[in-house]
N, C-alpha and C. Protein backbone atom coordinates (compact mmCIF):
# COMPACT_ATOMS: atom_id res chain seq x y z
N MET A 1 6.28 5.39 -13.99
CA MET A 1 6.20 6.68 -13.36
C MET A 1 7.26 6.78 -12.34
N SER A 2 8.06 7.74 -12.28
CA SER A 2 9.36 8.00 -11.37
C SER A 2 8.81 9.01 -10.28
N HIS A 3 9.06 8.55 -9.06
CA HIS A 3 8.42 9.36 -7.91
C HIS A 3 9.88 9.57 -6.95
N SER A 4 9.95 10.69 -6.65
CA SER A 4 11.22 11.14 -5.71
C SER A 4 10.58 11.61 -4.36
N LYS A 5 9.19 11.49 -4.28
CA LYS A 5 8.45 12.02 -3.12
C LYS A 5 8.85 11.08 -1.84
N SER A 6 8.73 11.94 -0.81
CA SER A 6 8.78 11.34 0.55
C SER A 6 7.58 11.73 1.18
N TYR A 7 7.00 10.95 2.34
CA TYR A 7 5.75 11.19 3.05
C TYR A 7 6.03 11.30 4.59
N THR A 8 5.18 12.22 5.23
CA THR A 8 5.29 12.31 6.65
C THR A 8 4.53 11.09 7.21
N THR A 9 4.64 10.88 8.46
CA THR A 9 3.90 9.75 9.14
C THR A 9 2.39 10.09 8.91
N GLY A 10 1.97 11.31 9.05
CA GLY A 10 0.66 11.67 8.80
C GLY A 10 -0.01 11.28 7.37
N GLN A 11 0.89 11.68 6.57
CA GLN A 11 0.47 11.32 5.02
C GLN A 11 0.52 9.72 4.85
N VAL A 12 1.34 9.12 5.38
CA VAL A 12 1.54 7.58 5.26
C VAL A 12 0.14 7.08 5.92
N ALA A 13 -0.23 7.59 7.11
CA ALA A 13 -1.34 7.16 7.84
C ALA A 13 -2.57 7.26 6.87
N SER A 14 -2.84 8.35 6.47
CA SER A 14 -3.83 8.70 5.58
C SER A 14 -4.11 7.83 4.31
N LEU A 15 -2.85 7.49 3.72
CA LEU A 15 -2.73 6.69 2.50
C LEU A 15 -3.29 5.12 3.01
N CYS A 16 -2.65 4.75 4.25
CA CYS A 16 -2.77 3.41 4.52
C CYS A 16 -4.26 3.27 5.23
N ASP A 17 -4.88 4.31 5.62
CA ASP A 17 -6.16 4.28 6.31
C ASP A 17 -5.86 3.77 7.65
N VAL A 18 -4.90 4.18 8.26
CA VAL A 18 -4.64 3.84 9.77
C VAL A 18 -4.29 4.96 10.52
N SER A 19 -3.95 4.97 11.89
CA SER A 19 -3.60 6.09 12.64
C SER A 19 -2.33 6.48 12.46
N GLN A 20 -1.92 7.66 12.92
CA GLN A 20 -0.49 8.19 12.76
C GLN A 20 0.42 7.19 13.79
N ARG A 21 -0.15 6.84 14.91
CA ARG A 21 0.49 6.09 15.91
C ARG A 21 0.83 4.66 15.39
N THR A 22 0.00 4.14 14.56
CA THR A 22 0.16 2.85 13.92
C THR A 22 1.42 2.80 12.92
N VAL A 23 1.52 4.08 12.17
CA VAL A 23 2.56 4.17 11.22
C VAL A 23 3.91 4.20 12.20
N ILE A 24 3.87 5.06 13.18
CA ILE A 24 5.00 5.26 14.00
C ILE A 24 5.43 3.82 14.60
N ASN A 25 4.42 2.96 15.07
CA ASN A 25 4.82 1.62 15.56
C ASN A 25 5.43 1.00 14.40
N TRP A 26 4.87 0.88 13.29
CA TRP A 26 5.47 0.11 12.19
C TRP A 26 6.92 0.43 12.05
N ILE A 27 7.33 1.76 12.03
CA ILE A 27 8.48 2.28 11.99
C ILE A 27 9.51 1.73 12.99
N GLU A 28 9.02 1.90 14.22
CA GLU A 28 9.79 1.49 15.48
C GLU A 28 10.13 -0.01 15.30
N ARG A 29 9.12 -0.78 15.11
CA ARG A 29 9.22 -2.12 15.00
C ARG A 29 10.13 -2.67 13.68
N GLY A 30 10.47 -1.64 12.93
CA GLY A 30 11.18 -1.96 11.74
C GLY A 30 10.46 -2.59 10.48
N SER A 31 9.18 -2.60 10.74
CA SER A 31 8.45 -3.01 9.54
C SER A 31 8.28 -2.20 8.35
N LEU A 32 8.48 -0.73 8.66
CA LEU A 32 8.37 0.25 7.59
C LEU A 32 9.62 1.03 7.80
N ALA A 33 10.52 1.16 6.69
CA ALA A 33 11.78 1.99 6.87
C ALA A 33 11.45 3.42 6.53
N ALA A 34 11.99 4.10 7.44
CA ALA A 34 11.89 5.85 7.45
C ALA A 34 13.22 6.38 7.79
N ARG A 35 13.33 7.58 7.38
CA ARG A 35 14.62 8.31 7.71
C ARG A 35 14.11 9.51 8.85
N LYS A 36 14.91 9.77 9.50
CA LYS A 36 14.73 10.86 10.63
C LYS A 36 15.45 12.20 10.16
N LEU A 37 14.57 13.21 10.16
CA LEU A 37 15.11 14.59 9.83
C LEU A 37 15.79 15.14 11.01
N PRO A 38 16.82 15.94 10.64
CA PRO A 38 17.59 16.58 11.80
C PRO A 38 16.63 17.44 12.40
N GLY A 39 16.98 17.76 13.71
CA GLY A 39 16.29 18.72 14.49
C GLY A 39 15.28 18.21 15.35
N ARG A 40 13.82 18.19 14.90
CA ARG A 40 12.94 17.74 15.58
C ARG A 40 12.78 16.09 15.49
N GLY A 41 13.27 15.52 14.60
CA GLY A 41 13.50 14.20 14.53
C GLY A 41 12.14 13.63 13.73
N ASP A 42 11.50 14.54 13.08
CA ASP A 42 10.26 13.97 12.21
C ASP A 42 10.78 12.97 11.24
N ARG A 43 10.01 12.00 10.86
CA ARG A 43 10.19 10.98 9.95
C ARG A 43 9.61 11.18 8.75
N ARG A 44 10.33 10.48 7.60
CA ARG A 44 10.03 10.64 6.19
C ARG A 44 10.08 9.35 5.68
N VAL A 45 9.09 8.79 4.98
CA VAL A 45 9.14 7.57 4.31
C VAL A 45 9.15 7.78 2.79
N ASP A 46 10.12 7.16 2.15
CA ASP A 46 10.27 7.33 0.59
C ASP A 46 9.13 6.71 -0.10
N TYR A 47 8.69 7.24 -1.34
CA TYR A 47 7.75 6.63 -2.13
C TYR A 47 7.86 5.08 -2.33
N GLU A 48 9.13 4.79 -2.77
CA GLU A 48 9.40 3.39 -3.13
C GLU A 48 9.12 2.44 -2.06
N VAL A 49 9.74 2.89 -0.95
CA VAL A 49 9.59 2.11 0.30
C VAL A 49 8.08 2.00 0.85
N LEU A 50 7.47 3.12 0.68
CA LEU A 50 5.80 2.90 1.15
C LEU A 50 5.16 2.01 0.12
N ARG A 51 5.43 2.17 -1.27
CA ARG A 51 4.68 1.34 -2.12
C ARG A 51 5.17 -0.10 -2.01
N ALA A 52 6.36 -0.41 -1.83
CA ALA A 52 6.76 -1.88 -1.49
C ALA A 52 5.95 -2.29 -0.19
N PHE A 53 6.07 -1.57 0.73
CA PHE A 53 5.30 -1.98 2.05
C PHE A 53 3.82 -2.27 1.89
N MET A 54 3.21 -1.28 0.98
CA MET A 54 1.65 -1.36 0.79
C MET A 54 1.42 -2.80 0.07
N LEU A 55 2.15 -3.02 -0.86
CA LEU A 55 2.05 -4.14 -1.75
C LEU A 55 2.25 -5.40 -0.96
N ARG A 56 3.31 -5.45 -0.13
CA ARG A 56 3.55 -6.54 0.66
C ARG A 56 2.60 -6.91 1.71
N HIS A 57 1.85 -5.89 2.15
CA HIS A 57 0.87 -6.05 3.11
C HIS A 57 -0.56 -5.99 2.44
N THR A 58 -0.76 -6.01 1.07
CA THR A 58 -1.99 -5.99 0.44
C THR A 58 -2.79 -4.84 0.76
N LEU A 59 -2.16 -3.52 0.80
CA LEU A 59 -2.88 -2.32 1.00
C LEU A 59 -3.28 -1.91 -0.38
N PRO A 60 -4.36 -1.36 -0.54
CA PRO A 60 -4.69 -0.59 -1.95
C PRO A 60 -3.83 0.42 -2.14
N LEU A 61 -3.25 0.64 -3.40
CA LEU A 61 -2.44 1.79 -3.59
C LEU A 61 -3.19 2.90 -4.13
N PRO A 62 -2.92 4.01 -4.01
CA PRO A 62 -3.71 5.20 -4.41
C PRO A 62 -3.73 5.22 -5.71
N GLU A 63 -4.81 5.55 -6.32
CA GLU A 63 -5.02 5.63 -7.85
C GLU A 63 -3.99 6.63 -8.55
N ALA A 64 -3.78 7.73 -7.92
CA ALA A 64 -2.81 8.68 -8.31
C ALA A 64 -1.38 8.20 -8.65
N TRP A 65 -1.11 7.09 -7.96
CA TRP A 65 0.24 6.36 -8.22
C TRP A 65 0.40 5.58 -9.50
N GLY A 66 -0.88 5.62 -10.21
CA GLY A 66 -0.95 4.77 -11.47
C GLY A 66 -0.86 3.55 -11.54
N ALA A 67 -1.20 2.67 -10.46
CA ALA A 67 -1.22 1.43 -10.11
C ALA A 67 -2.17 0.64 -11.01
N SER A 68 -1.97 -0.41 -11.39
CA SER A 68 -2.96 -1.41 -12.29
C SER A 68 -4.00 -1.60 -11.34
N ALA A 69 -5.00 -2.16 -11.76
CA ALA A 69 -6.21 -2.51 -11.06
C ALA A 69 -6.02 -3.60 -10.02
N GLY A 70 -5.15 -4.61 -10.57
CA GLY A 70 -4.84 -5.87 -9.68
C GLY A 70 -3.82 -5.19 -8.67
N GLU A 71 -2.91 -4.51 -9.11
CA GLU A 71 -2.00 -4.03 -8.06
C GLU A 71 -2.64 -3.12 -6.91
N ALA A 72 -3.42 -2.36 -7.32
CA ALA A 72 -4.06 -1.23 -6.45
C ALA A 72 -5.05 -2.07 -5.40
N SER A 73 -5.50 -3.22 -5.88
CA SER A 73 -6.53 -4.04 -4.87
C SER A 73 -5.63 -4.95 -4.01
N GLY A 74 -4.54 -5.19 -4.56
CA GLY A 74 -3.51 -6.13 -3.74
C GLY A 74 -3.74 -7.74 -4.48
N VAL A 75 -4.83 -7.59 -5.46
CA VAL A 75 -5.20 -9.04 -5.99
C VAL A 75 -4.70 -9.10 -7.35
N SER A 76 -4.08 -10.00 -8.04
CA SER A 76 -3.49 -10.11 -9.32
C SER A 76 -4.76 -10.48 -10.25
N SER A 77 -5.63 -11.16 -9.84
CA SER A 77 -6.66 -11.54 -10.67
C SER A 77 -7.87 -12.02 -9.90
N THR A 78 -9.11 -12.20 -10.34
CA THR A 78 -10.18 -12.63 -9.68
C THR A 78 -10.61 -13.78 -10.52
N ARG A 79 -10.89 -14.93 -9.99
CA ARG A 79 -11.48 -16.07 -10.59
C ARG A 79 -12.62 -16.45 -9.94
N VAL A 80 -13.49 -17.05 -10.65
CA VAL A 80 -14.86 -17.50 -10.11
C VAL A 80 -15.05 -18.92 -10.67
N LEU A 81 -15.51 -19.94 -9.82
CA LEU A 81 -15.68 -21.34 -10.35
C LEU A 81 -17.22 -21.41 -10.39
N VAL A 82 -17.82 -21.99 -11.42
CA VAL A 82 -19.13 -22.22 -11.57
C VAL A 82 -19.19 -23.68 -11.98
N VAL A 83 -20.02 -24.39 -11.16
CA VAL A 83 -20.21 -25.78 -11.19
C VAL A 83 -21.76 -26.03 -11.54
N ASP A 84 -21.98 -26.44 -12.72
CA ASP A 84 -23.36 -26.67 -13.13
C ASP A 84 -23.36 -27.72 -14.26
N ASP A 85 -24.46 -28.63 -14.36
CA ASP A 85 -24.35 -29.38 -15.61
C ASP A 85 -25.11 -28.88 -16.73
N ASP A 86 -25.70 -27.74 -16.56
CA ASP A 86 -26.21 -26.99 -17.88
C ASP A 86 -25.24 -26.11 -18.44
N ASP A 87 -24.99 -26.27 -19.79
CA ASP A 87 -23.96 -25.56 -20.59
C ASP A 87 -24.43 -24.03 -20.48
N ARG A 88 -25.54 -23.79 -20.62
CA ARG A 88 -25.97 -22.33 -20.71
C ARG A 88 -25.49 -21.64 -19.46
N ILE A 89 -25.71 -22.16 -18.32
CA ILE A 89 -25.32 -21.65 -17.17
C ILE A 89 -23.81 -21.30 -16.85
N ARG A 90 -22.92 -22.38 -17.38
CA ARG A 90 -21.52 -22.35 -17.32
C ARG A 90 -21.06 -21.18 -18.19
N GLU A 91 -21.75 -21.06 -19.33
CA GLU A 91 -21.06 -20.13 -20.14
C GLU A 91 -21.47 -18.57 -19.60
């Protein structure tokens, strides 16, 4: 899926479930790349940059982005170890 969308700091905050101030701090520290718009200096974060940031920090991706289940949760797979001497339990 191709995205050319960019997001405001408020939209990023909502997608990441953090405050807008946190997003601004990420940008100011250089953790999240954003571009400043001319005039008021509002910032925009491109889709590709935000998606990579969310994956890198294991933040769940929005379902609307078409992420796979593992990608959306930040976990590639779930494994369970069962230890028992009864074959029926292990199965």
